[in-house]
Amino acid sequence: MEDMISPVEPKYVKIEFPKNNYAKIAEDTLSEILRHGNTHPYALLHEGVSENIQTDILEWLQKTQATIEKENPFFDEAIFLAQQKKLSAQEIALDLSAENSKIQYHYKRLPSVSDSKRGSIAPSTLDFDFYRKSFSEQKKIKPDKDGKETIAWKSAEKLDVLCRNFLSDMEKNLIDRKNKWEMERIDALRKQFLEELYKKIEKFMRLEKLLSPFIKDLGRLWDLSNKAFETSGFEILEQFAKLLEQDESLQELAKMIGKQSRTQEIFEKEMRDKIVIKTEWHPKPAYRGEINGLRYSSDIASVLPAELAMMKNPAAKKLFQLKFAQKQLLSFDYQNDKAESKEEHESEEVDVAKKDQKGPVIICVDTSGSMQGTPENIAKTVTFALSKIAMEEERKCYLISFSTGIETLDMSDFKSGDALTRIVQFLRMSFNGGTDASPALKHAVQMLQKDGYKNADVLMISDFVMGTLPDDLVKSIEEEKKKNTDFYSLVIGSSGNQSTIACFNHNWLYDTSDSRAQRHLVEHLQTMRTRT
């Protein structure tokens, strides 16, 4: 299926694979999909879409196979055929040659009616009249010893052939009708599947258009196209995307959070295998070299002349033979070593720098009444930007909005439509109420203890018009800083509580009363990036 969507080069080379019925159905289904509208060029431009289309086809094939097996109206007929195969040729011939054949009676009562759900079951075309006549012609009546008439058969060989032909016709008839029914049922299910898939692709294209300012790659959000969306809510995403494009400082801030380089590289111990090649010298006794000494052997070519002389003496000949058999003939020892390389696997411990460039992000957003107006737009735009980055880069992102209480949103799970809907609701909400940052920061510290958010960056967006943080919370924040967690603050305005702001590693000021506030923030961010 991948080759059909994106043909390999050169294009005239076609890769052929062994195919069964379902493989052929999958190929035909995909071909039909790619011919529909602009599906093929759209799938080529969106790798995730083409992969999901293939996955949907495979899942549909599995469901279709299960449906066919469940609805199979030929199950009883297949059992009936298996029962007839167990009968002898004489039993089948005797039954079919009779006027009231039990085989024919039960066969005719098998399901052969049309069903709107299961499709049309074609009637059997098995010719019982032909086999009744053929088997009857093989019959002969002869008297037994008591004068009673008994049935005998003219030719056992012809009887066996007729029986095999009858069972073969019954089986072929079953297979033909079953295949025809399956293809009709599959075509009906495929038509239904294609209608649903085309609607899904159309919805997905519309969804992509609505979310294009929010995320570039929507391949993994394929399943969302089956859900209903409040499409009017996505207009606000486009609105904040435009605000982000116009604010250079907020773009810089969004890029830095979660990607801040650590001041120290973290190293981990790691065991690695290495191959050591060693040279070994092995003696080759069969090859002549320098004489290294003497040895006992049965090698006639290297035996000393004194030992060979025993062969000439009749009295010593038997002694030579004995020493030869026992490999005790005194011989020259030649040395001729050959170098051979040998590979050995060894393990060594090395220090490896741990890469943590794209970490998770926890955002605490002040939604109190004092943030209404420009601070509210800035807070929403930064939240929108970080959500966009988290989704594009598949990074964990957790939102905590607070005033007198807190609300949370895990923005890592975009598989469900709820996350997108809740982001839209957040961007639409009006800020009101009092300000208490302690619950939000306490919850952020709790999140830092979880595996998915250890060493995350924490950003608080607020005007910091609030009270001083409790001592135990300040202590907890200091402990997390020692674990390479950075706490950032984006201070909107110039009236914030300085003691609270001092608890954060990095503090950025966005003074709404300063016309050059954006430029100052950009310069501050670039300076910090250079330092780190």
Protein backbone atom coordinates (compact mmCIF):
# COMPACT_ATOMS: atom_id res chain seq x y z
CA MET A 1 0.00 0.00 0.00
CA GLU A 2 2.92 2.33 0.74
CA ASP A 3 4.31 1.66 -2.75
CA MET A 4 0.93 2.53 -4.29
CA ILE A 5 0.81 5.90 -2.50
CA SER A 6 4.50 6.79 -3.01
CA PRO A 7 5.88 4.61 -5.86
CA VAL A 8 9.51 3.59 -5.62
CA GLU A 9 12.04 4.77 -8.22
CA PRO A 10 12.26 3.88 -11.03
CA LYS A 11 8.49 4.03 -11.42
CA TYR A 12 8.32 1.26 -14.03
CA VAL A 13 9.67 -1.28 -11.52
CA LYS A 14 6.70 -2.79 -9.72
CA ILE A 15 7.22 -4.78 -6.55
CA GLU A 16 5.05 -7.89 -6.55
CA PHE A 17 4.07 -9.62 -3.32
CA PRO A 18 2.17 -12.89 -2.83
CA LYS A 19 -1.51 -12.01 -2.55
CA ASN A 20 -4.53 -13.62 -0.97
CA ASN A 21 -8.14 -12.49 -1.37
CA TYR A 22 -7.89 -9.88 1.36
CA ALA A 23 -4.62 -8.49 -0.01
CA LYS A 24 -6.34 -8.01 -3.37
CA ILE A 25 -9.31 -6.35 -1.65
CA ALA A 26 -6.94 -3.99 0.23
CA GLU A 27 -5.15 -3.05 -3.01
CA ASP A 28 -8.41 -2.45 -4.88
CA THR A 29 -9.81 -0.40 -1.98
CA LEU A 30 -6.71 1.79 -1.78
CA SER A 31 -6.69 2.28 -5.56
CA GLU A 32 -10.29 3.47 -5.42
CA ILE A 33 -9.48 5.85 -2.53
CA LEU A 34 -6.50 7.35 -4.39
CA ARG A 35 -8.69 7.97 -7.45
CA HIS A 36 -11.25 9.84 -5.37
CA GLY A 37 -11.02 13.63 -5.72
CA ASN A 38 -7.66 15.02 -4.64
CA THR A 39 -7.00 12.30 -2.03
CA HIS A 40 -3.77 11.08 -3.64
CA PRO A 41 -1.94 14.45 -3.82
CA TYR A 42 -3.21 15.28 -0.33
CA ALA A 43 -1.87 11.97 1.06
CA LEU A 44 1.50 12.57 -0.65
CA LEU A 45 1.81 15.96 1.06
CA HIS A 46 0.75 14.61 4.47
CA GLU A 47 2.70 11.52 5.49
CA GLY A 48 0.63 11.09 8.64
CA VAL A 49 -2.58 11.08 6.57
CA SER A 50 -1.34 8.36 4.19
CA GLU A 51 -0.24 6.21 7.15
CA ASN A 52 -3.62 6.63 8.84
CA ILE A 53 -5.50 5.76 5.64
CA GLN A 54 -3.51 2.53 5.39
CA THR A 55 -4.17 1.77 9.07
CA ASP A 56 -7.90 2.37 8.60
CA ILE A 57 -7.94 -0.01 5.62
CA LEU A 58 -6.18 -2.74 7.61
CA GLU A 59 -8.54 -2.28 10.56
CA TRP A 60 -11.52 -2.40 8.18
CA LEU A 61 -10.19 -5.66 6.69
CA GLN A 62 -9.99 -7.22 10.15
CA LYS A 63 -13.53 -6.11 11.01
CA THR A 64 -14.80 -7.28 7.62
CA GLN A 65 -13.23 -10.71 8.05
CA ALA A 66 -14.81 -11.03 11.50
CA THR A 67 -18.19 -9.93 10.10
CA ILE A 68 -18.02 -12.42 7.21
CA GLU A 69 -17.18 -15.26 9.60
CA LYS A 70 -20.01 -14.25 11.97
CA GLU A 71 -22.66 -13.85 9.24
CA ASN A 72 -21.58 -16.91 7.21
CA PRO A 73 -24.88 -18.56 6.05
CA PHE A 74 -23.03 -21.58 4.61
CA PHE A 75 -21.85 -22.95 7.95
CA ASP A 76 -24.55 -25.67 8.10
CA GLU A 77 -23.94 -26.63 4.48
CA ALA A 78 -20.20 -27.04 5.11
CA ILE A 79 -20.95 -29.35 8.06
CA PHE A 80 -23.43 -31.29 5.90
CA LEU A 81 -20.77 -31.75 3.19
CA ALA A 82 -18.25 -32.98 5.77
CA GLN A 83 -20.79 -35.55 6.99
CA GLN A 84 -21.37 -36.89 3.45
CA LYS A 85 -17.62 -37.31 2.93
CA LYS A 86 -17.59 -39.78 5.82
CA LEU A 87 -20.10 -42.07 4.08
CA SER A 88 -18.99 -44.95 1.88
CA ALA A 89 -19.58 -44.99 -1.86
CA GLN A 90 -22.22 -47.74 -1.46
CA GLU A 91 -24.13 -45.72 1.18
CA ILE A 92 -24.22 -42.61 -1.01
CA ALA A 93 -25.16 -44.61 -4.12
CA LEU A 94 -27.92 -46.48 -2.29
CA ASP A 95 -29.39 -43.23 -0.92
CA LEU A 96 -29.26 -41.19 -4.14
CA SER A 97 -30.63 -44.00 -6.31
CA ALA A 98 -33.75 -44.25 -4.13
CA GLU A 99 -36.95 -42.36 -4.89
CA ASN A 100 -36.94 -40.55 -1.53
CA SER A 101 -33.29 -39.58 -1.06
CA LYS A 102 -32.47 -38.41 2.48
CA ILE A 103 -29.34 -36.60 1.22
CA GLN A 104 -31.38 -34.65 -1.33
CA TYR A 105 -34.13 -33.94 1.24
CA HIS A 106 -31.76 -32.46 3.84
CA TYR A 107 -29.70 -30.66 1.19
CA LYS A 108 -32.78 -28.87 -0.16
CA ARG A 109 -33.69 -27.71 3.38
CA LEU A 110 -30.35 -25.90 3.87
CA PRO A 111 -30.53 -22.01 3.91
CA SER A 112 -31.12 -20.63 0.43
CA VAL A 113 -33.23 -17.49 1.01
CA SER A 114 -32.32 -13.85 0.47
CA ASP A 115 -31.53 -11.73 3.49
CA SER A 116 -31.22 -7.93 3.20
CA LYS A 117 -28.55 -7.82 5.89
CA ARG A 118 -26.52 -10.86 4.89
CA GLY A 119 -26.87 -10.48 1.16
CA SER A 120 -28.32 -12.80 -1.44
CA ILE A 121 -27.63 -16.54 -1.16
CA ALA A 122 -27.79 -18.07 -4.63
CA PRO A 123 -29.79 -21.33 -4.93
CA SER A 124 -27.91 -24.55 -5.47
CA THR A 125 -27.47 -25.84 -9.02
CA LEU A 126 -26.54 -29.41 -8.01
CA ASP A 127 -28.18 -31.88 -10.50
CA PHE A 128 -29.65 -34.63 -8.30
CA ASP A 129 -31.65 -36.09 -11.25
CA PHE A 130 -28.44 -36.83 -13.14
CA TYR A 131 -26.87 -38.65 -10.17
CA ARG A 132 -30.12 -40.55 -9.39
CA LYS A 133 -30.17 -41.86 -12.95
CA SER A 134 -26.41 -42.59 -13.01
CA PHE A 135 -26.43 -44.49 -9.70
CA SER A 136 -29.62 -46.37 -10.70
CA GLU A 137 -27.91 -47.60 -13.88
CA GLN A 138 -25.17 -49.13 -11.76
CA LYS A 139 -27.69 -51.11 -9.72
CA LYS A 140 -28.44 -54.75 -10.30
CA ILE A 141 -30.80 -56.99 -8.42
CA LYS A 142 -29.82 -60.57 -7.65
CA PRO A 143 -31.34 -63.23 -5.37
CA ASP A 144 -29.51 -64.47 -2.29
CA LYS A 145 -29.40 -68.04 -0.91
CA ASP A 146 -32.89 -67.70 0.54
CA GLY A 147 -34.33 -66.45 -2.74
CA LYS A 148 -34.69 -62.86 -1.56
CA GLU A 149 -33.67 -59.99 -3.84
CA THR A 150 -30.51 -58.08 -2.86
CA ILE A 151 -28.89 -54.99 -4.36
CA ALA A 152 -25.48 -55.29 -5.97
CA TRP A 153 -23.41 -52.94 -8.12
CA LYS A 154 -22.18 -53.55 -11.62
CA SER A 155 -18.79 -51.79 -11.25
CA ALA A 156 -17.22 -50.76 -7.96
CA GLU A 157 -14.76 -48.57 -9.83
CA LYS A 158 -17.50 -46.61 -11.65
CA LEU A 159 -19.39 -46.33 -8.38
CA ASP A 160 -16.37 -44.73 -6.68
CA VAL A 161 -15.92 -42.30 -9.59
CA LEU A 162 -19.59 -41.27 -9.46
CA CYS A 163 -19.37 -40.79 -5.69
CA ARG A 164 -16.23 -38.64 -5.95
CA ASN A 165 -17.81 -36.55 -8.73
CA PHE A 166 -20.96 -36.04 -6.66
CA LEU A 167 -19.01 -34.84 -3.58
CA SER A 168 -16.75 -32.69 -5.79
CA ASP A 169 -19.77 -31.02 -7.42
CA MET A 170 -21.36 -30.43 -4.04
CA GLU A 171 -18.13 -28.86 -2.72
CA LYS A 172 -17.59 -26.74 -5.86
CA ASN A 173 -21.19 -25.59 -5.71
CA LEU A 174 -20.70 -24.56 -2.07
CA ILE A 175 -17.42 -22.71 -2.73
CA ASP A 176 -18.79 -20.85 -5.78
CA ARG A 177 -21.92 -19.68 -3.97
CA LYS A 178 -19.97 -18.80 -0.81
CA ASN A 179 -17.39 -16.78 -2.77
CA LYS A 180 -20.13 -14.95 -4.64
CA TRP A 181 -21.94 -14.15 -1.39
CA GLU A 182 -18.68 -13.00 0.29
CA MET A 183 -17.80 -10.67 -2.60
CA GLU A 184 -21.30 -9.13 -2.58
CA ARG A 185 -21.14 -8.68 1.19
CA ILE A 186 -17.59 -7.27 1.05
CA ASP A 187 -18.58 -4.84 -1.71
CA ALA A 188 -21.47 -3.61 0.43
CA LEU A 189 -19.24 -3.22 3.49
CA ARG A 190 -16.54 -1.54 1.38
CA LYS A 191 -19.04 0.94 -0.02
CA GLN A 192 -20.09 1.82 3.52
CA PHE A 193 -16.42 2.08 4.63
CA LEU A 194 -15.49 4.34 1.71
CA GLU A 195 -18.43 6.68 2.36
CA GLU A 196 -17.32 7.03 5.99
CA LEU A 197 -13.65 7.43 5.01
CA TYR A 198 -14.38 10.14 2.42
CA LYS A 199 -16.40 12.05 5.03
CA LYS A 200 -13.53 11.61 7.47
CA ILE A 201 -10.99 12.96 4.95
CA GLU A 202 -13.23 15.95 4.17
CA LYS A 203 -13.65 16.68 7.89
CA PHE A 204 -9.90 16.30 8.39
CA MET A 205 -9.15 18.80 5.60
CA ARG A 206 -11.57 21.24 7.21
CA LEU A 207 -10.04 20.58 10.63
CA GLU A 208 -6.56 21.25 9.23
CA LYS A 209 -7.74 24.54 7.76
CA LEU A 210 -9.20 25.55 11.13
CA LEU A 211 -6.12 24.51 13.12
CA SER A 212 -3.41 25.52 10.65
CA PRO A 213 -2.44 28.56 12.74
CA PHE A 214 -2.17 26.29 15.75
CA ILE A 215 -0.14 23.34 14.47
CA LYS A 216 1.59 22.29 11.26
CA ASP A 217 1.53 18.47 11.38
CA LEU A 218 -1.94 17.09 12.03
CA GLY A 219 -1.17 13.49 11.04
CA ARG A 220 -1.43 12.12 14.57
CA LEU A 221 -4.78 13.90 15.06
CA TRP A 222 -6.48 11.71 12.43
CA ASP A 223 -8.96 10.26 14.91
CA LEU A 224 -10.16 13.76 15.85
CA SER A 225 -11.84 14.04 12.44
CA ASN A 226 -14.48 11.63 13.73
CA LYS A 227 -15.43 14.02 16.53
CA ALA A 228 -17.76 16.98 16.45
CA PHE A 229 -16.09 20.35 17.01
CA GLU A 230 -17.38 23.73 17.96
CA THR A 231 -15.80 25.18 14.82
CA SER A 232 -16.60 28.78 15.73
CA GLY A 233 -14.19 28.44 18.66
CA PHE A 234 -11.19 27.94 16.39
CA GLU A 235 -11.47 31.48 15.09
CA ILE A 236 -9.95 32.64 18.34
CA LEU A 237 -6.88 30.45 17.67
CA GLU A 238 -6.29 32.34 14.44
CA GLN A 239 -6.73 35.62 16.31
CA PHE A 240 -4.04 34.78 18.86
CA ALA A 241 -1.76 33.41 16.14
CA LYS A 242 -1.83 36.84 14.52
CA LEU A 243 -1.14 38.52 17.88
CA LEU A 244 1.87 36.22 18.31
CA GLU A 245 3.22 37.07 14.86
CA GLN A 246 3.08 40.78 15.73
CA ASP A 247 4.85 40.43 19.11
CA GLU A 248 8.54 39.63 18.65
CA SER A 249 9.27 39.49 22.38
CA LEU A 250 6.63 36.87 23.09
CA GLN A 251 7.96 34.74 20.22
CA GLU A 252 11.43 34.83 21.80
CA LEU A 253 10.00 33.96 25.20
CA ALA A 254 8.01 31.01 23.82
CA LYS A 255 11.11 29.62 22.09
CA MET A 256 13.22 29.81 25.25
CA ILE A 257 10.85 28.25 27.78
CA GLY A 258 11.43 24.52 27.97
CA LYS A 259 14.52 24.76 25.76
CA GLN A 260 16.70 26.72 28.16
CA SER A 261 20.23 25.26 28.15
CA ARG A 262 21.42 24.06 31.54
CA THR A 263 24.46 25.81 32.98
CA GLN A 264 26.04 22.42 33.58
CA GLU A 265 25.87 19.40 31.35
CA ILE A 266 24.48 16.31 33.04
CA PHE A 267 26.59 13.20 32.52
CA GLU A 268 25.45 9.63 32.90
CA LYS A 269 27.51 6.47 33.29
CA GLU A 270 26.95 4.09 30.43
CA MET A 271 28.39 0.65 29.65
CA ARG A 272 29.47 0.22 26.05
CA ASP A 273 30.86 -2.79 24.22
CA LYS A 274 34.06 -2.52 22.24
CA ILE A 275 35.83 -4.99 19.97
CA VAL A 276 39.53 -5.65 20.60
CA ILE A 277 41.50 -7.43 17.85
CA LYS A 278 44.45 -9.49 19.13
CA THR A 279 47.10 -11.39 17.13
CA GLU A 280 47.86 -14.98 18.16
CA TRP A 281 50.56 -17.31 16.82
CA HIS A 282 49.57 -20.92 16.25
CA PRO A 283 52.08 -23.65 15.25
CA LYS A 284 51.48 -25.50 11.98
CA PRO A 285 53.07 -28.96 12.42
CA ALA A 286 52.30 -30.04 8.86
CA TYR A 287 54.53 -27.35 7.38
CA ARG A 288 58.35 -27.50 7.34
CA GLY A 289 60.17 -24.65 9.00
CA GLU A 290 63.15 -24.27 11.29
CA ILE A 291 64.16 -27.30 13.40
CA ASN A 292 63.05 -26.52 16.91
CA GLY A 293 64.11 -29.82 18.48
CA LEU A 294 62.95 -33.40 18.60
CA ARG A 295 59.57 -34.95 19.32
CA TYR A 296 57.80 -38.29 19.20
CA SER A 297 55.44 -38.83 16.28
CA SER A 298 54.35 -41.18 13.51
CA ASP A 299 55.24 -38.64 10.76
CA ILE A 300 57.48 -40.67 8.45
CA ALA A 301 58.63 -37.51 6.64
CA SER A 302 60.24 -36.09 9.80
CA VAL A 303 61.47 -39.35 11.44
CA LEU A 304 65.20 -39.47 12.19
CA PRO A 305 67.35 -41.66 9.90
CA ALA A 306 68.36 -43.80 12.87
CA GLU A 307 64.75 -44.76 13.42
CA LEU A 308 64.22 -45.51 9.73
CA ALA A 309 67.29 -47.77 9.77
CA MET A 310 65.36 -50.24 11.97
CA MET A 311 63.26 -51.08 8.91
CA LYS A 312 66.34 -52.69 7.30
CA ASN A 313 67.03 -54.90 10.29
CA PRO A 314 64.68 -57.91 10.46
CA ALA A 315 65.13 -58.15 14.20
CA ALA A 316 64.23 -54.43 14.75
CA LYS A 317 61.48 -54.19 12.14
CA LYS A 318 58.74 -55.25 14.58
CA LEU A 319 60.00 -52.66 17.07
CA PHE A 320 59.72 -49.95 14.38
CA GLN A 321 56.17 -50.99 13.62
CA LEU A 322 55.29 -50.90 17.33
CA LYS A 323 56.78 -47.43 17.78
CA PHE A 324 55.01 -46.22 14.62
CA ALA A 325 51.65 -47.50 15.91
CA GLN A 326 52.24 -45.81 19.27
CA LYS A 327 53.52 -42.59 17.63
CA GLN A 328 56.81 -42.99 19.50
CA LEU A 329 59.22 -42.57 16.59
CA LEU A 330 61.84 -39.95 17.34
CA SER A 331 61.26 -37.13 14.83
CA PHE A 332 62.42 -33.62 14.01
CA ASP A 333 60.21 -30.87 15.50
CA TYR A 334 59.76 -28.10 12.95
CA GLN A 335 58.53 -24.70 14.06
CA ASN A 336 56.38 -22.66 11.64
CA ASP A 337 53.97 -20.36 13.49
CA LYS A 338 51.14 -18.65 11.62
CA ALA A 339 49.60 -15.37 12.77
CA GLU A 340 45.83 -15.38 13.34
CA SER A 341 43.62 -12.46 14.36
CA LYS A 342 41.12 -12.95 17.15
CA GLU A 343 38.23 -10.65 18.08
CA GLU A 344 37.34 -10.19 21.74
CA HIS A 345 34.38 -8.23 23.12
CA GLU A 346 35.06 -6.10 26.16
CA SER A 347 32.91 -3.63 28.10
CA GLU A 348 33.99 -0.21 29.25
CA GLU A 349 32.28 2.48 31.30
CA VAL A 350 32.05 5.91 29.66
CA ASP A 351 30.54 9.27 30.61
CA VAL A 352 27.78 10.33 28.23
CA ALA A 353 26.28 13.80 28.18
CA LYS A 354 22.56 13.62 28.81
CA LYS A 355 20.61 15.65 26.29
CA ASP A 356 17.65 17.52 27.73
CA GLN A 357 17.06 20.29 25.22
CA LYS A 358 13.31 20.04 24.83
CA GLY A 359 11.93 19.59 28.29
CA PRO A 360 8.39 19.75 29.59
CA VAL A 361 6.77 23.05 30.55
CA ILE A 362 4.45 23.98 33.42
CA ILE A 363 2.65 27.31 32.92
CA CYS A 364 0.96 29.13 35.81
CA VAL A 365 -1.34 31.87 34.50
CA ASP A 366 -2.83 34.58 36.73
CA THR A 367 -6.52 34.94 35.77
CA SER A 368 -7.46 37.42 38.50
CA GLY A 369 -9.37 40.63 37.86
CA SER A 370 -6.22 42.80 37.97
CA MET A 371 -5.04 41.08 34.75
CA GLN A 372 -7.92 42.36 32.62
CA GLY A 373 -7.05 44.24 29.42
CA THR A 374 -3.57 44.17 27.92
CA PRO A 375 -2.07 41.85 30.60
CA GLU A 376 -4.83 39.35 29.82
CA ASN A 377 -4.02 39.39 26.08
CA ILE A 378 -0.30 38.95 26.79
CA ALA A 379 -0.96 36.01 29.15
CA LYS A 380 -3.26 34.30 26.65
CA THR A 381 -0.86 34.86 23.75
CA VAL A 382 2.09 33.33 25.63
CA THR A 383 -0.06 30.39 26.72
CA PHE A 384 -1.22 29.92 23.13
CA ALA A 385 2.38 30.06 21.84
CA LEU A 386 3.68 27.51 24.34
CA SER A 387 0.72 25.21 23.63
CA LYS A 388 1.52 25.42 19.92
CA ILE A 389 5.20 24.59 20.47
CA ALA A 390 4.32 21.71 22.81
CA MET A 391 1.98 20.20 20.26
CA GLU A 392 4.35 20.64 17.30
CA GLU A 393 7.31 19.15 19.17
CA GLU A 394 5.30 16.53 21.08
CA ARG A 395 6.47 17.90 24.41
CA LYS A 396 4.60 17.73 27.67
CA CYS A 397 2.87 20.96 28.62
CA TYR A 398 0.74 21.57 31.71
CA LEU A 399 -1.41 24.65 32.30
CA ILE A 400 -2.46 25.91 35.75
CA SER A 401 -4.77 28.92 35.80
CA PHE A 402 -5.27 30.58 39.17
CA SER A 403 -7.07 33.42 40.92
CA THR A 404 -8.51 32.43 44.31
CA GLY A 405 -8.51 28.76 43.23
CA ILE A 406 -6.83 26.77 40.45
CA GLU A 407 -7.86 24.97 37.27
CA THR A 408 -5.53 22.59 35.43
CA LEU A 409 -5.18 21.33 31.88
CA ASP A 410 -2.71 18.70 30.64
CA MET A 411 -2.00 19.89 27.09
CA SER A 412 0.09 16.82 26.24
CA ASP A 413 -2.92 14.75 25.25
CA PHE A 414 -4.31 16.10 22.00
CA LYS A 415 -5.68 12.72 20.95
CA SER A 416 -9.02 13.74 22.37
CA GLY A 417 -10.96 16.80 21.28
CA ASP A 418 -11.38 17.90 24.91
CA ALA A 419 -7.89 19.43 25.16
CA LEU A 420 -8.42 21.67 22.12
CA THR A 421 -11.88 22.66 23.31
CA ARG A 422 -10.55 23.58 26.75
CA ILE A 423 -7.75 25.70 25.25
CA VAL A 424 -10.37 27.57 23.23
CA GLN A 425 -12.41 28.04 26.41
CA PHE A 426 -9.33 29.38 28.21
CA LEU A 427 -8.64 31.89 25.44
CA ARG A 428 -12.27 32.99 25.55
CA MET A 429 -12.58 33.32 29.32
CA SER A 430 -12.72 36.62 31.16
CA PHE A 431 -10.26 37.20 34.01
CA ASN A 432 -11.77 38.07 37.41
CA GLY A 433 -11.47 37.36 41.12
CA GLY A 434 -8.68 37.78 43.64
CA THR A 435 -5.06 36.63 43.45
CA ASP A 436 -3.51 33.74 45.36
CA ALA A 437 -0.46 32.23 43.65
CA SER A 438 0.42 29.75 46.43
CA PRO A 439 -1.98 26.93 45.36
CA ALA A 440 -0.76 27.14 41.77
CA LEU A 441 2.93 26.97 42.70
CA LYS A 442 2.29 24.17 45.23
CA HIS A 443 0.56 22.18 42.50
CA ALA A 444 3.46 22.90 40.11
CA VAL A 445 5.94 21.56 42.70
CA GLN A 446 3.79 18.43 43.05
CA MET A 447 3.85 17.95 39.28
CA LEU A 448 7.66 18.15 39.35
CA GLN A 449 7.71 14.97 41.43
CA LYS A 450 6.05 12.99 38.63
CA ASP A 451 8.19 11.13 36.10
CA GLY A 452 6.85 13.01 33.08
CA TYR A 453 7.56 16.45 34.56
CA LYS A 454 10.83 16.03 36.47
CA ASN A 455 13.22 18.90 35.68
CA ALA A 456 10.46 20.77 33.86
CA ASP A 457 10.61 24.54 33.42
CA VAL A 458 7.99 26.48 35.39
CA LEU A 459 6.71 29.79 34.03
CA MET A 460 4.41 32.11 35.99
CA ILE A 461 2.62 34.85 34.04
CA SER A 462 1.19 37.50 36.37
CA ASP A 463 1.21 41.13 37.36
CA PHE A 464 2.43 39.83 40.75
CA VAL A 465 0.02 42.09 42.58
CA MET A 466 -0.25 39.53 45.36
CA GLY A 467 0.92 38.68 48.86
CA THR A 468 4.24 37.11 49.85
CA LEU A 469 4.61 33.36 49.35
CA PRO A 470 4.66 31.08 52.45
CA ASP A 471 8.12 30.11 53.73
CA ASP A 472 7.56 26.38 53.22
CA LEU A 473 6.63 26.97 49.55
CA VAL A 474 9.71 29.17 49.01
CA LYS A 475 11.83 26.37 50.52
CA SER A 476 10.25 23.79 48.19
CA ILE A 477 10.99 26.00 45.18
CA GLU A 478 14.63 26.33 46.26
CA GLU A 479 14.90 22.54 46.57
CA GLU A 480 13.57 22.10 43.02
CA LYS A 481 16.06 24.64 41.68
CA LYS A 482 18.87 22.40 42.97
CA LYS A 483 17.47 19.65 40.74
CA ASN A 484 18.08 21.71 37.57
CA THR A 485 14.54 23.07 37.43
CA ASP A 486 14.26 26.70 36.27
CA PHE A 487 11.51 28.97 37.57
CA TYR A 488 10.66 31.87 35.23
CA SER A 489 8.42 34.83 35.82
CA LEU A 490 6.90 37.12 33.23
CA VAL A 491 6.00 40.24 35.20
CA ILE A 492 3.34 42.27 33.39
CA GLY A 493 3.38 45.82 34.71
CA SER A 494 5.61 47.51 37.28
CA SER A 495 3.65 47.08 40.50
CA GLY A 496 4.55 43.51 41.39
CA ASN A 497 5.57 42.17 44.81
CA GLN A 498 9.37 42.12 44.61
CA SER A 499 9.81 39.52 47.37
CA THR A 500 7.63 37.07 45.43
CA ILE A 501 9.39 37.83 42.14
CA ALA A 502 12.75 37.17 43.83
CA CYS A 503 11.83 33.49 44.29
CA PHE A 504 12.26 32.88 40.53
CA ASN A 505 15.51 32.14 38.66
CA HIS A 506 14.80 34.46 35.75
CA ASN A 507 12.47 37.43 35.79
CA TRP A 508 11.26 39.21 32.69
CA LEU A 509 9.44 42.51 32.77
CA TYR A 510 6.76 43.48 30.28
CA ASP A 511 5.82 47.06 31.20
CA THR A 512 2.55 47.86 29.45
CA SER A 513 3.09 51.60 30.03
CA ASP A 514 6.41 51.56 28.12
CA SER A 515 6.11 51.88 24.33
CA ARG A 516 9.46 50.08 23.98
CA ALA A 517 8.49 47.23 26.34
CA GLN A 518 8.62 44.65 23.58
CA ARG A 519 12.08 45.69 22.45
CA HIS A 520 13.44 45.70 26.02
CA LEU A 521 12.10 42.22 26.65
CA VAL A 522 13.69 40.90 23.43
CA GLU A 523 17.06 42.38 24.37
CA HIS A 524 16.81 40.89 27.85
CA LEU A 525 15.98 37.45 26.45
CA GLN A 526 18.80 37.55 23.90
CA THR A 527 21.29 38.60 26.57
CA MET A 528 20.20 35.72 28.79
CA ARG A 529 20.45 33.24 25.91
CA THR A 530 24.02 34.42 25.22
CA ARG A 531 24.96 33.96 28.86
CA THR A 532 23.60 30.42 29.08
